[in-house]
């Protein structure tokens, strides 16, 4: 695996050693992302269950639907934070420093969650959101930097390998954090997630020498005037938010659902405003403009995909908790363990898909990126079709529960869809992005997840009045229709992509 070269080549990332045939710097980013995802998915795996079961005297008492909405909107906030995180890397710090600071802030957030206090709970969530915004888009942009000048298929394979890191951490986290949280103490679970993030930071610092110059400098450093302008805007909007909250409290009308609704609106408005500002930016050349137009198509499709997919941590977790038979012999395993199923499937399928795309590319038979996205939508729609049948089966069951195979089938179909969209979309974002906007385009890619989850702040409330069978079937039909539409628009999208394949 490893090979020795001359000392003169040491400045090039990956020139001395390889990591499964990829640049050696990939090992650093792989391990950092793995531990960061361990912390994130561990916390996420017990978040809704904690809010429903543990916050008995607070605003969530007997308000399960609101807990699900908070979960969706919080996910939206986390991914919305990727936009300013990308800007900070592109204009101020560079990706290398942004990832380091983000990791430290995330670790502090998890340890804050470990404090048994409602104030600490929301403060911890805020820290994790801010830190993830710095880390998530920029570590992905650094992966793209390792493959500068290499073939599209090799870059896609590299992102698929990187995606395995996400899912190794995601698979282990619910098993460890979920068990400790549900069976020992919720706050111990949050603390263990913090330990995982601390390991991510340590790994990142120790392995930094293998990254060469990737991410060291901002792509387009901001001028002093630009910095002052942004600071004024941040202070202005933060002040408006604080004043609005204080006014709501003073009038005696405050309800946590107000914050949920405002953040849900932001999740929709922010990407629209950002796309408009990007198209108006004089730095966007005529050659790059069609590529951003193509990216809008992929963004809109990803929004619907993630809106459906990310309900696995909210409605599907509650379905697993209350409507799925979890008995093995005389022991009932934690509901959060279901969230390890999807990452485990990705670990198995990721290398298969990576090899498949490369082999098909060698034969000039690889599906186009628009076709991969269309297939992803058809599959995510099919997964909710299965959930609709599962909901009907639970409603007609004497016990009100269904077997484990229903959810396992849902996760399998979703995982195949995910492999057609997520790693491909990560790679596509780095290829479509103009060089001066790489961090921000990566932020927009993650903002698609934010917008999908923001919509979940409202859409998941339909589950109770409609019932499981009708609710899941409705979104299945919408997703399949979107997939067919994207398939028909494939030729137009490919034309906008230009030389990007």
Protein backbone atom coordinates (compact mmCIF):
# COMPACT_ATOMS: atom_id res chain seq x y z
CA UNK A 1 0.00 0.00 0.00
CA UNK A 2 2.71 2.46 1.00
CA UNK A 3 5.52 3.54 -1.26
CA UNK A 4 8.52 5.79 -0.65
CA UNK A 5 9.32 8.75 -2.89
CA UNK A 6 11.91 11.47 -2.75
CA UNK A 7 11.82 14.07 -0.04
CA UNK A 8 11.12 16.74 -2.67
CA UNK A 9 7.67 15.30 -3.18
CA UNK A 10 6.70 15.49 0.46
CA UNK A 11 4.92 18.77 -0.02
CA UNK A 12 2.34 17.19 -2.28
CA UNK A 13 -0.52 15.60 -0.33
CA UNK A 14 -0.58 11.87 -0.78
CA UNK A 15 2.75 11.71 -2.65
CA UNK A 16 4.57 9.55 -0.10
CA UNK A 17 1.87 7.11 0.91
CA UNK A 18 -1.59 6.12 -0.19
CA UNK A 19 -4.72 5.24 1.75
CA UNK A 20 -6.43 2.34 -0.04
CA UNK A 21 -4.99 3.75 -3.26
CA UNK A 22 -6.07 7.31 -2.44
CA UNK A 23 -4.00 10.30 -1.23
CA UNK A 24 -2.55 9.77 2.27
CA UNK A 25 -4.28 12.93 3.42
CA UNK A 26 -7.55 11.07 2.91
CA UNK A 27 -6.72 8.98 6.00
CA UNK A 28 -6.64 12.14 8.12
CA UNK A 29 -9.93 13.42 6.77
CA UNK A 30 -11.46 9.92 6.86
CA UNK A 31 -10.72 9.41 10.56
CA UNK A 32 -11.68 12.96 11.52
CA UNK A 33 -15.02 12.65 9.75
CA UNK A 34 -15.63 9.20 11.23
CA UNK A 35 -15.32 10.43 14.82
CA UNK A 36 -17.22 13.63 14.10
CA UNK A 37 -20.10 11.60 12.66
CA UNK A 38 -19.93 9.27 15.67
CA UNK A 39 -20.60 12.26 17.89
CA UNK A 40 -23.33 13.68 15.64
CA UNK A 41 -25.27 10.48 14.98
CA UNK A 42 -24.92 9.41 18.58
CA UNK A 43 -26.53 12.62 19.78
CA UNK A 44 -29.09 12.57 16.97
CA UNK A 45 -30.03 8.97 17.70
CA UNK A 46 -31.37 9.82 21.15
CA UNK A 47 -32.44 13.44 20.65
CA UNK A 48 -36.16 12.91 19.91
CA UNK A 49 -36.42 10.05 22.39
CA UNK A 50 -34.83 12.29 25.06
CA UNK A 51 -37.16 15.19 24.33
CA UNK A 52 -40.23 12.97 24.50
CA UNK A 53 -39.19 10.84 27.50
CA UNK A 54 -37.04 13.10 29.64
CA UNK A 55 -38.33 16.65 29.27
CA UNK A 56 -41.43 15.97 31.37
CA UNK A 57 -41.94 19.36 32.97
CA UNK A 58 -40.78 21.61 30.16
CA UNK A 59 -42.46 22.89 27.00
CA UNK A 60 -42.46 19.45 25.34
CA UNK A 61 -44.69 17.70 27.89
CA UNK A 62 -47.22 15.58 26.00
CA UNK A 63 -46.26 17.31 22.75
CA UNK A 64 -44.64 14.56 20.71
CA UNK A 65 -45.43 16.26 17.41
CA UNK A 66 -43.58 19.39 18.55
CA UNK A 67 -40.56 17.30 19.57
CA UNK A 68 -40.47 15.89 16.02
CA UNK A 69 -40.74 19.42 14.59
CA UNK A 70 -37.92 20.67 16.81
CA UNK A 71 -35.79 17.77 15.63
CA UNK A 72 -36.40 18.64 11.97
CA UNK A 73 -35.81 22.35 12.42
CA UNK A 74 -32.69 21.75 14.50
CA UNK A 75 -31.27 19.61 11.71
CA UNK A 76 -32.11 22.49 9.38
CA UNK A 77 -30.25 24.97 11.57
CA UNK A 78 -27.19 22.71 11.67
CA UNK A 79 -27.01 22.53 7.90
CA UNK A 80 -27.91 26.21 7.42
CA UNK A 81 -24.83 26.98 9.48
CA UNK A 82 -22.81 25.45 6.64
CA UNK A 83 -23.32 28.63 4.62
CA UNK A 84 -21.57 31.06 6.98
CA UNK A 85 -19.11 28.25 7.71
CA UNK A 86 -18.23 28.04 4.03
CA UNK A 87 -17.93 31.84 3.81
CA UNK A 88 -15.58 31.97 6.80
CA UNK A 89 -13.33 29.38 5.16
CA UNK A 90 -13.45 30.98 1.70
CA UNK A 91 -12.96 34.56 2.87
CA UNK A 92 -11.31 34.57 6.31
CA UNK A 93 -9.58 31.48 7.68
CA UNK A 94 -9.19 28.82 5.02
CA UNK A 95 -10.79 25.39 5.33
CA UNK A 96 -7.98 23.95 7.49
CA UNK A 97 -8.55 26.34 10.42
CA UNK A 98 -12.34 26.34 10.02
CA UNK A 99 -12.46 22.56 10.48
CA UNK A 100 -10.25 22.69 13.57
CA UNK A 101 -12.24 25.45 15.31
CA UNK A 102 -15.50 23.74 14.33
CA UNK A 103 -14.39 20.45 15.87
CA UNK A 104 -13.48 22.09 19.17
CA UNK A 105 -16.83 23.91 19.36
CA UNK A 106 -18.75 20.71 18.59
CA UNK A 107 -16.96 18.86 21.39
CA UNK A 108 -17.84 21.65 23.82
CA UNK A 109 -21.45 21.40 22.69
CA UNK A 110 -21.70 17.67 23.42
CA UNK A 111 -20.16 18.07 26.85
CA UNK A 112 -22.61 20.90 27.55
CA UNK A 113 -25.48 18.53 26.67
CA UNK A 114 -24.13 16.20 29.34
CA UNK A 115 -25.11 18.75 32.01
CA UNK A 116 -28.63 17.91 33.32
CA UNK A 117 -30.23 21.29 32.70
CA UNK A 118 -32.74 22.62 30.17
CA UNK A 119 -30.57 25.71 29.66
CA UNK A 120 -27.50 23.55 29.07
CA UNK A 121 -29.50 21.39 26.66
CA UNK A 122 -30.38 24.25 24.31
CA UNK A 123 -26.94 25.88 24.73
CA UNK A 124 -25.30 22.58 23.78
CA UNK A 125 -27.46 22.27 20.68
CA UNK A 126 -26.48 25.82 19.65
CA UNK A 127 -22.76 25.05 20.03
CA UNK A 128 -23.05 21.85 18.00
CA UNK A 129 -24.90 23.70 15.23
CA UNK A 130 -22.25 26.45 15.06
CA UNK A 131 -19.34 23.99 15.11
CA UNK A 132 -20.87 21.70 12.49
CA UNK A 133 -21.41 24.69 10.23
CA UNK A 134 -17.67 25.34 10.32
CA UNK A 135 -16.57 21.73 9.97
CA UNK A 136 -19.00 19.97 7.66
CA UNK A 137 -18.75 21.87 4.34
CA UNK A 138 -15.05 22.59 4.68
CA UNK A 139 -13.81 19.09 5.38
CA UNK A 140 -15.67 17.97 2.24
CA UNK A 141 -14.10 20.81 0.26
CA UNK A 142 -10.68 19.61 1.47
CA UNK A 143 -11.44 16.13 0.15
CA UNK A 144 -12.07 17.72 -3.24
CA UNK A 145 -8.74 19.56 -2.93
CA UNK A 146 -6.88 16.25 -2.59
CA UNK A 147 -8.12 15.25 -6.08
CA UNK A 148 -7.27 18.48 -7.89
CA UNK A 149 -6.57 17.68 -11.55
CA UNK A 150 -7.58 14.00 -11.27
CA UNK A 151 -10.31 12.21 -13.22
CA UNK A 152 -13.99 12.55 -12.43
CA UNK A 153 -14.38 8.83 -11.74
CA UNK A 154 -11.43 8.83 -9.33
CA UNK A 155 -12.83 11.85 -7.50
CA UNK A 156 -16.23 10.13 -7.22
CA UNK A 157 -14.51 7.03 -5.83
CA UNK A 158 -12.66 9.20 -3.31
CA UNK A 159 -15.88 10.79 -2.10
CA UNK A 160 -17.48 7.37 -1.82
CA UNK A 161 -14.58 6.25 0.39
CA UNK A 162 -15.02 9.42 2.44
CA UNK A 163 -18.71 8.56 2.69
CA UNK A 164 -17.78 5.26 4.30
CA UNK A 165 -16.12 7.19 7.13
CA UNK A 166 -19.41 8.96 7.76
CA UNK A 167 -21.23 5.69 7.98
CA UNK A 168 -18.72 3.80 10.11
CA UNK A 169 -19.16 6.52 12.71
CA UNK A 170 -22.90 6.60 12.10
CA UNK A 171 -23.22 2.84 12.57
CA UNK A 172 -21.28 2.64 15.83
CA UNK A 173 -22.82 5.72 17.44
CA UNK A 174 -26.43 4.57 18.03
CA UNK A 175 -25.21 1.22 19.33
CA UNK A 176 -23.04 2.88 21.99
CA UNK A 177 -24.66 6.25 22.65
CA UNK A 178 -28.18 4.91 22.12
CA UNK A 179 -27.74 2.07 24.57
CA UNK A 180 -26.18 4.28 27.26
CA UNK A 181 -28.78 7.01 26.76
CA UNK A 182 -31.87 4.79 26.78
CA UNK A 183 -30.74 2.25 29.38
CA UNK A 184 -28.29 4.05 31.70
CA UNK A 185 -28.55 7.86 31.56
CA UNK A 186 -29.37 10.27 28.75
CA UNK A 187 -26.62 12.69 29.73
CA UNK A 188 -24.01 9.93 29.83
CA UNK A 189 -24.91 9.21 26.22
CA UNK A 190 -24.35 12.85 25.29
CA UNK A 191 -20.98 12.82 27.12
CA UNK A 192 -19.78 9.78 25.17
CA UNK A 193 -20.68 11.59 21.95
CA UNK A 194 -18.42 14.42 23.18
CA UNK A 195 -15.55 11.99 23.68
CA UNK A 196 -15.96 10.89 20.06
CA UNK A 197 -15.68 14.49 18.87
CA UNK A 198 -12.58 15.03 21.01
CA UNK A 199 -10.95 12.06 19.28
CA UNK A 200 -11.84 13.64 15.92
CA UNK A 201 -9.98 16.84 16.84
CA UNK A 202 -6.93 14.93 18.08
CA UNK A 203 -6.82 12.84 14.90
CA UNK A 204 -7.13 15.95 12.73
CA UNK A 205 -4.25 17.76 14.43
CA UNK A 206 -1.93 14.75 14.38
CA UNK A 207 -2.60 13.96 10.73
CA UNK A 208 -2.47 17.53 9.43
CA UNK A 209 1.01 17.09 7.97
CA UNK A 210 -0.38 14.75 5.30
CA UNK A 211 -2.70 17.41 3.90
CA UNK A 212 0.02 19.51 2.33
CA UNK A 213 -1.27 22.99 1.47
CA UNK A 214 -4.89 21.90 1.02
CA UNK A 215 -7.21 24.34 2.80
CA UNK A 216 -4.45 26.44 4.37
CA UNK A 217 -5.46 29.72 2.73
CA UNK A 218 -8.88 31.27 1.99
CA UNK A 219 -9.81 31.11 -1.69
CA UNK A 220 -10.71 34.81 -1.99
CA UNK A 221 -9.67 36.68 1.18
CA UNK A 222 -12.14 39.35 2.28
CA UNK A 223 -11.07 42.96 2.30
CA UNK A 224 -11.23 44.92 5.58
CA UNK A 225 -14.33 46.75 4.29
CA UNK A 226 -16.06 43.47 3.43
CA UNK A 227 -15.32 42.17 6.92
CA UNK A 228 -16.81 45.29 8.51
CA UNK A 229 -19.90 45.07 6.29
CA UNK A 230 -20.54 41.44 7.19
CA UNK A 231 -20.00 42.13 10.90
CA UNK A 232 -22.53 44.97 10.80
CA UNK A 233 -25.11 42.73 9.11
CA UNK A 234 -24.55 39.91 11.59
CA UNK A 235 -24.95 42.24 14.57
CA UNK A 236 -28.04 43.84 13.02
CA UNK A 237 -29.88 40.56 12.42
CA UNK A 238 -28.80 39.09 15.75
CA UNK A 239 -30.12 42.21 17.47
CA UNK A 240 -33.44 41.96 15.64
CA UNK A 241 -33.78 38.29 16.66
CA UNK A 242 -33.04 39.06 20.32
CA UNK A 243 -35.47 42.00 20.39
CA UNK A 244 -38.22 39.91 18.78
CA UNK A 245 -37.73 37.16 21.36
CA UNK A 246 -37.76 39.63 24.26
CA UNK A 247 -40.93 41.27 22.91
CA UNK A 248 -42.63 37.86 22.61
CA UNK A 249 -41.72 37.07 26.22
CA UNK A 250 -42.76 40.52 27.51
CA UNK A 251 -46.17 40.23 25.84
CA UNK A 252 -46.73 36.86 27.46
CA UNK A 253 -47.25 35.18 24.10
CA UNK A 254 -43.99 33.23 23.97
CA UNK A 255 -44.21 29.63 22.84
CA UNK A 256 -41.32 27.46 21.68
CA UNK A 257 -43.31 26.73 18.53
CA UNK A 258 -42.76 30.36 17.48
CA UNK A 259 -39.02 29.74 17.28
CA UNK A 260 -39.61 26.50 15.41
CA UNK A 261 -41.76 28.29 12.82
CA UNK A 262 -39.31 31.17 12.35
CA UNK A 263 -36.39 28.80 11.82
CA UNK A 264 -38.46 26.73 9.39
CA UNK A 265 -39.16 29.85 7.32
CA UNK A 266 -35.46 30.73 7.37
CA UNK A 267 -34.62 27.27 6.08
CA UNK A 268 -36.64 28.04 2.96
CA UNK A 269 -35.82 31.72 2.51
CA UNK A 270 -32.04 31.48 3.00
CA UNK A 271 -31.25 29.27 -0.03
CA UNK A 272 -33.51 31.34 -2.29
CA UNK A 273 -31.80 34.57 -1.23
CA UNK A 274 -28.37 33.00 -1.51
CA UNK A 275 -28.92 31.72 -5.06
CA UNK A 276 -30.17 35.17 -6.10
CA UNK A 277 -27.11 36.87 -4.60
CA UNK A 278 -24.76 34.36 -6.23
CA UNK A 279 -26.24 34.96 -9.67
CA UNK A 280 -25.86 38.72 -9.13
CA UNK A 281 -22.25 38.40 -7.97
CA UNK A 282 -19.93 39.99 -10.58
CA UNK A 283 -17.30 37.33 -9.77
CA UNK A 284 -19.56 34.69 -11.38
CA UNK A 285 -18.37 34.40 -14.99
CA UNK A 286 -20.54 33.71 -18.03
CA UNK A 287 -18.89 30.29 -18.33
CA UNK A 288 -19.75 29.35 -14.75
CA UNK A 289 -23.34 30.68 -14.73
CA UNK A 290 -24.92 27.67 -16.54
CA UNK A 291 -23.21 25.31 -14.10
CA UNK A 292 -24.81 27.10 -11.16
CA UNK A 293 -28.15 26.89 -13.00
CA UNK A 294 -27.64 23.13 -13.27
CA UNK A 295 -26.77 23.04 -9.59
CA UNK A 296 -30.18 24.60 -8.79
CA UNK A 297 -31.85 21.53 -10.31
CA UNK A 298 -29.77 19.17 -8.20
CA UNK A 299 -30.36 21.31 -5.12
CA UNK A 300 -34.15 21.26 -5.47
CA UNK A 301 -34.20 17.50 -5.96
CA UNK A 302 -31.92 16.94 -2.97
CA UNK A 303 -34.25 19.04 -0.79
CA UNK A 304 -37.13 16.62 -1.36
CA UNK A 305 -34.86 13.59 -0.97
CA UNK A 306 -33.50 14.71 2.40
CA UNK A 307 -36.91 15.84 3.61
CA UNK A 308 -38.10 12.25 3.29
CA UNK A 309 -34.85 10.54 4.21
CA UNK A 310 -34.20 12.47 7.43
CA UNK A 311 -37.52 11.48 8.94
CA UNK A 312 -35.67 8.32 9.94
CA UNK A 313 -34.40 10.18 13.01
CA UNK A 314 -37.83 11.48 14.01
CA UNK A 315 -41.05 9.78 12.84
CA UNK A 316 -39.37 6.49 11.94
CA UNK A 317 -37.59 6.42 15.31
CA UNK A 318 -40.91 6.93 17.09
CA UNK A 319 -42.44 4.22 14.85
CA UNK A 320 -39.59 1.92 15.90
CA UNK A 321 -40.16 2.83 19.54
CA UNK A 322 -43.92 2.32 19.66
CA UNK A 323 -45.04 0.28 16.64
CA UNK A 324 -42.23 -2.20 15.99
CA UNK A 325 -41.55 -5.47 17.79
CA UNK A 326 -38.02 -5.13 19.20
CA UNK A 327 -37.93 -8.28 21.30
CA UNK A 328 -35.05 -10.73 20.97
CA UNK A 329 -35.85 -13.61 23.28
CA UNK A 330 -36.86 -11.85 26.47
CA UNK A 331 -34.83 -8.71 25.81
CA UNK A 332 -36.03 -5.58 24.02
CA UNK A 333 -33.25 -3.78 22.18
CA UNK A 334 -33.18 0.06 22.13
CA UNK A 335 -35.22 1.81 19.46
CA UNK A 336 -32.20 3.98 18.59
CA UNK A 337 -30.37 0.88 17.33
CA UNK A 338 -32.47 0.95 14.18
CA UNK A 339 -30.50 4.01 13.17
CA UNK A 340 -27.38 1.87 12.84
CA UNK A 341 -29.02 -0.15 10.06
CA UNK A 342 -28.64 2.42 7.31
CA UNK A 343 -24.93 3.18 7.99
CA UNK A 344 -24.18 -0.54 8.16
CA UNK A 345 -25.80 -1.00 4.77
CA UNK A 346 -23.81 1.90 3.34
CA UNK A 347 -20.56 0.35 4.57
CA UNK A 348 -21.43 -2.79 2.62
CA UNK A 349 -22.74 -1.04 -0.48
CA UNK A 350 -20.33 1.95 -0.75
CA UNK A 351 -17.33 0.02 -2.13
CA UNK A 352 -19.63 -1.88 -4.46
CA UNK A 353 -21.07 1.34 -5.88
CA UNK A 354 -17.62 2.97 -6.07
CA UNK A 355 -16.29 0.04 -8.10
CA UNK A 356 -19.47 -0.03 -10.18
CA UNK A 357 -19.23 3.63 -11.22
CA UNK A 358 -15.56 3.25 -12.18
CA UNK A 359 -16.17 0.04 -14.14
CA UNK A 360 -19.17 1.50 -15.98
CA UNK A 361 -17.17 4.66 -16.75
CA UNK A 362 -14.41 2.54 -18.30
CA UNK A 363 -17.04 1.00 -20.59
CA UNK A 364 -18.71 4.39 -21.27
CA UNK A 365 -21.92 3.07 -19.71
CA UNK A 366 -21.97 4.98 -16.43
CA UNK A 367 -25.39 6.63 -15.80
CA UNK A 368 -25.28 10.40 -16.01
CA UNK A 369 -25.48 12.37 -12.77
CA UNK A 370 -29.07 13.50 -13.56
CA UNK A 371 -30.05 9.86 -14.06
CA UNK A 372 -28.48 8.92 -10.71
CA UNK A 373 -30.50 11.65 -9.00
CA UNK A 374 -33.69 10.51 -10.73
CA UNK A 375 -33.09 6.93 -9.55
CA UNK A 376 -32.51 8.23 -6.03
CA UNK A 377 -35.91 9.94 -6.04
CA UNK A 378 -37.69 6.83 -7.33
CA UNK A 379 -36.06 4.77 -4.59
CA UNK A 380 -36.79 7.20 -1.74
CA UNK A 381 -40.38 7.29 -2.93
CA UNK A 382 -40.48 3.50 -2.92
CA UNK A 383 -39.17 3.41 0.65
CA UNK A 384 -42.09 5.52 1.86
CA UNK A 385 -44.43 3.32 -0.14
CA UNK A 386 -43.18 0.46 2.04
CA UNK A 387 -43.65 2.63 5.15
CA UNK A 388 -47.25 3.25 4.11
CA UNK A 389 -47.82 -0.51 4.02
CA UNK A 390 -46.06 -0.88 7.38
CA UNK A 391 -48.32 1.77 8.91
CA UNK A 392 -51.41 -0.03 7.61
CA UNK A 393 -50.09 -3.37 8.92
CA UNK A 394 -49.47 -1.90 12.39
CA UNK A 395 -52.95 -0.37 12.49
CA UNK A 396 -54.54 -3.74 11.65
CA UNK A 397 -52.31 -5.79 13.98
CA UNK A 398 -53.68 -7.13 17.27
CA UNK A 399 -50.57 -5.84 19.06
CA UNK A 400 -50.32 -2.57 17.13
CA UNK A 401 -46.78 -3.58 16.12
CA UNK A 402 -45.05 -4.97 13.04
CA UNK A 403 -41.95 -7.09 12.62
CA UNK A 404 -38.45 -5.70 12.22
CA UNK A 405 -38.42 -6.59 8.52
CA UNK A 406 -40.63 -3.66 7.55
CA UNK A 407 -38.15 -1.04 8.74
CA UNK A 408 -35.20 -3.09 7.49
CA UNK A 409 -36.75 -3.06 4.01
CA UNK A 410 -37.33 0.69 4.20
CA UNK A 411 -33.73 1.33 5.19
CA UNK A 412 -32.38 -0.93 2.44
CA UNK A 413 -34.27 0.90 -0.30
CA UNK A 414 -33.32 4.29 1.17
CA UNK A 415 -29.67 3.28 1.34
CA UNK A 416 -29.55 2.33 -2.34
CA UNK A 417 -31.15 5.68 -3.14
CA UNK A 418 -28.65 7.45 -0.91
CA UNK A 419 -25.73 5.86 -2.77
CA UNK A 420 -27.11 7.27 -6.03
CA UNK A 421 -27.39 10.80 -4.62
CA UNK A 422 -25.29 11.72 -1.62
CA UNK A 423 -21.66 10.85 -2.48
CA UNK A 424 -22.35 11.73 -6.11
CA UNK A 425 -23.79 15.09 -5.04
CA UNK A 426 -20.78 15.84 -2.84
CA UNK A 427 -18.43 15.21 -5.74
CA UNK A 428 -20.65 17.07 -8.19
CA UNK A 429 -20.67 20.17 -5.97
CA UNK A 430 -16.88 20.43 -6.05
CA UNK A 431 -16.88 19.99 -9.84
CA UNK A 432 -19.61 22.51 -10.64
CA UNK A 433 -18.33 25.11 -8.16
CA UNK A 434 -16.28 28.05 -9.49
CA UNK A 435 -12.93 28.03 -7.70
CA UNK A 436 -13.69 31.18 -5.71
CA UNK A 437 -16.99 29.73 -4.46
CA UNK A 438 -16.03 26.14 -3.56
CA UNK A 439 -16.69 26.45 0.18
CA UNK A 440 -19.96 28.27 -0.38
CA UNK A 441 -21.21 25.79 -2.99
CA UNK A 442 -20.43 22.99 -0.54
CA UNK A 443 -22.42 24.99 1.99
CA UNK A 444 -25.31 25.17 -0.46
CA UNK A 445 -25.18 21.42 -0.96
CA UNK A 446 -25.60 20.91 2.77
CA UNK A 447 -28.21 23.66 2.78
CA UNK A 448 -30.38 21.33 0.68
CA UNK A 449 -30.51 19.08 3.73
CA UNK A 450 -31.32 22.12 5.86
CA UNK A 451 -34.23 23.12 3.66
CA UNK A 452 -35.57 19.57 3.62
CA UNK A 453 -35.43 19.39 7.39
CA UNK A 454 -36.95 22.88 7.71
CA UNK A 455 -39.93 21.64 5.72
CA UNK A 456 -40.10 18.69 8.11
CA UNK A 457 -40.82 21.23 10.86
CA UNK A 458 -44.25 21.47 9.26
CA UNK A 459 -44.80 18.35 7.15
CA UNK A 460 -44.28 15.84 9.96
CA UNK A 461 -47.21 17.42 11.80
CA UNK A 462 -49.45 15.90 9.10
CA UNK A 463 -48.59 12.41 10.31
CA UNK A 464 -51.02 12.41 13.22
CA UNK A 465 -54.15 13.70 11.42
CA UNK A 466 -53.52 11.65 8.26
CA UNK A 467 -52.30 8.45 9.93
CA UNK A 468 -49.22 6.47 8.97
CA UNK A 469 -50.62 4.73 5.87
CA UNK A 470 -51.92 7.90 4.21
CA UNK A 471 -49.02 10.12 5.29
CA UNK A 472 -46.22 7.91 3.99
CA UNK A 473 -48.09 7.00 0.80
CA UNK A 474 -48.64 10.69 0.00
CA UNK A 475 -44.92 11.47 0.09
CA UNK A 476 -44.16 8.30 -1.86
CA UNK A 477 -46.28 9.53 -4.76
CA UNK A 478 -44.71 13.02 -4.66
CA UNK A 479 -41.16 11.62 -4.65
CA UNK A 480 -41.79 9.24 -7.56
CA UNK A 481 -43.34 12.08 -9.58
CA UNK A 482 -40.27 14.23 -8.88
CA UNK A 483 -37.96 11.41 -9.98
CA UNK A 484 -39.77 11.01 -13.29
CA UNK A 485 -39.68 14.78 -13.86
CA UNK A 486 -35.93 14.91 -13.23
CA UNK A 487 -35.40 12.02 -15.61
CA UNK A 488 -37.26 13.85 -18.39
CA UNK A 489 -35.23 17.03 -17.76
CA UNK A 490 -31.93 15.13 -17.86
CA UNK A 491 -30.83 16.30 -21.32
CA UNK A 492 -31.37 19.98 -20.46
CA UNK A 493 -29.46 19.62 -17.18
CA UNK A 494 -26.53 17.87 -18.88
CA UNK A 495 -26.31 20.73 -21.37
CA UNK A 496 -26.09 23.26 -18.53
CA UNK A 497 -23.33 21.23 -16.86
CA UNK A 498 -21.04 21.80 -19.84
CA UNK A 499 -17.78 19.88 -19.50
CA UNK A 500 -18.67 18.51 -16.04
CA UNK A 501 -19.58 14.83 -16.19
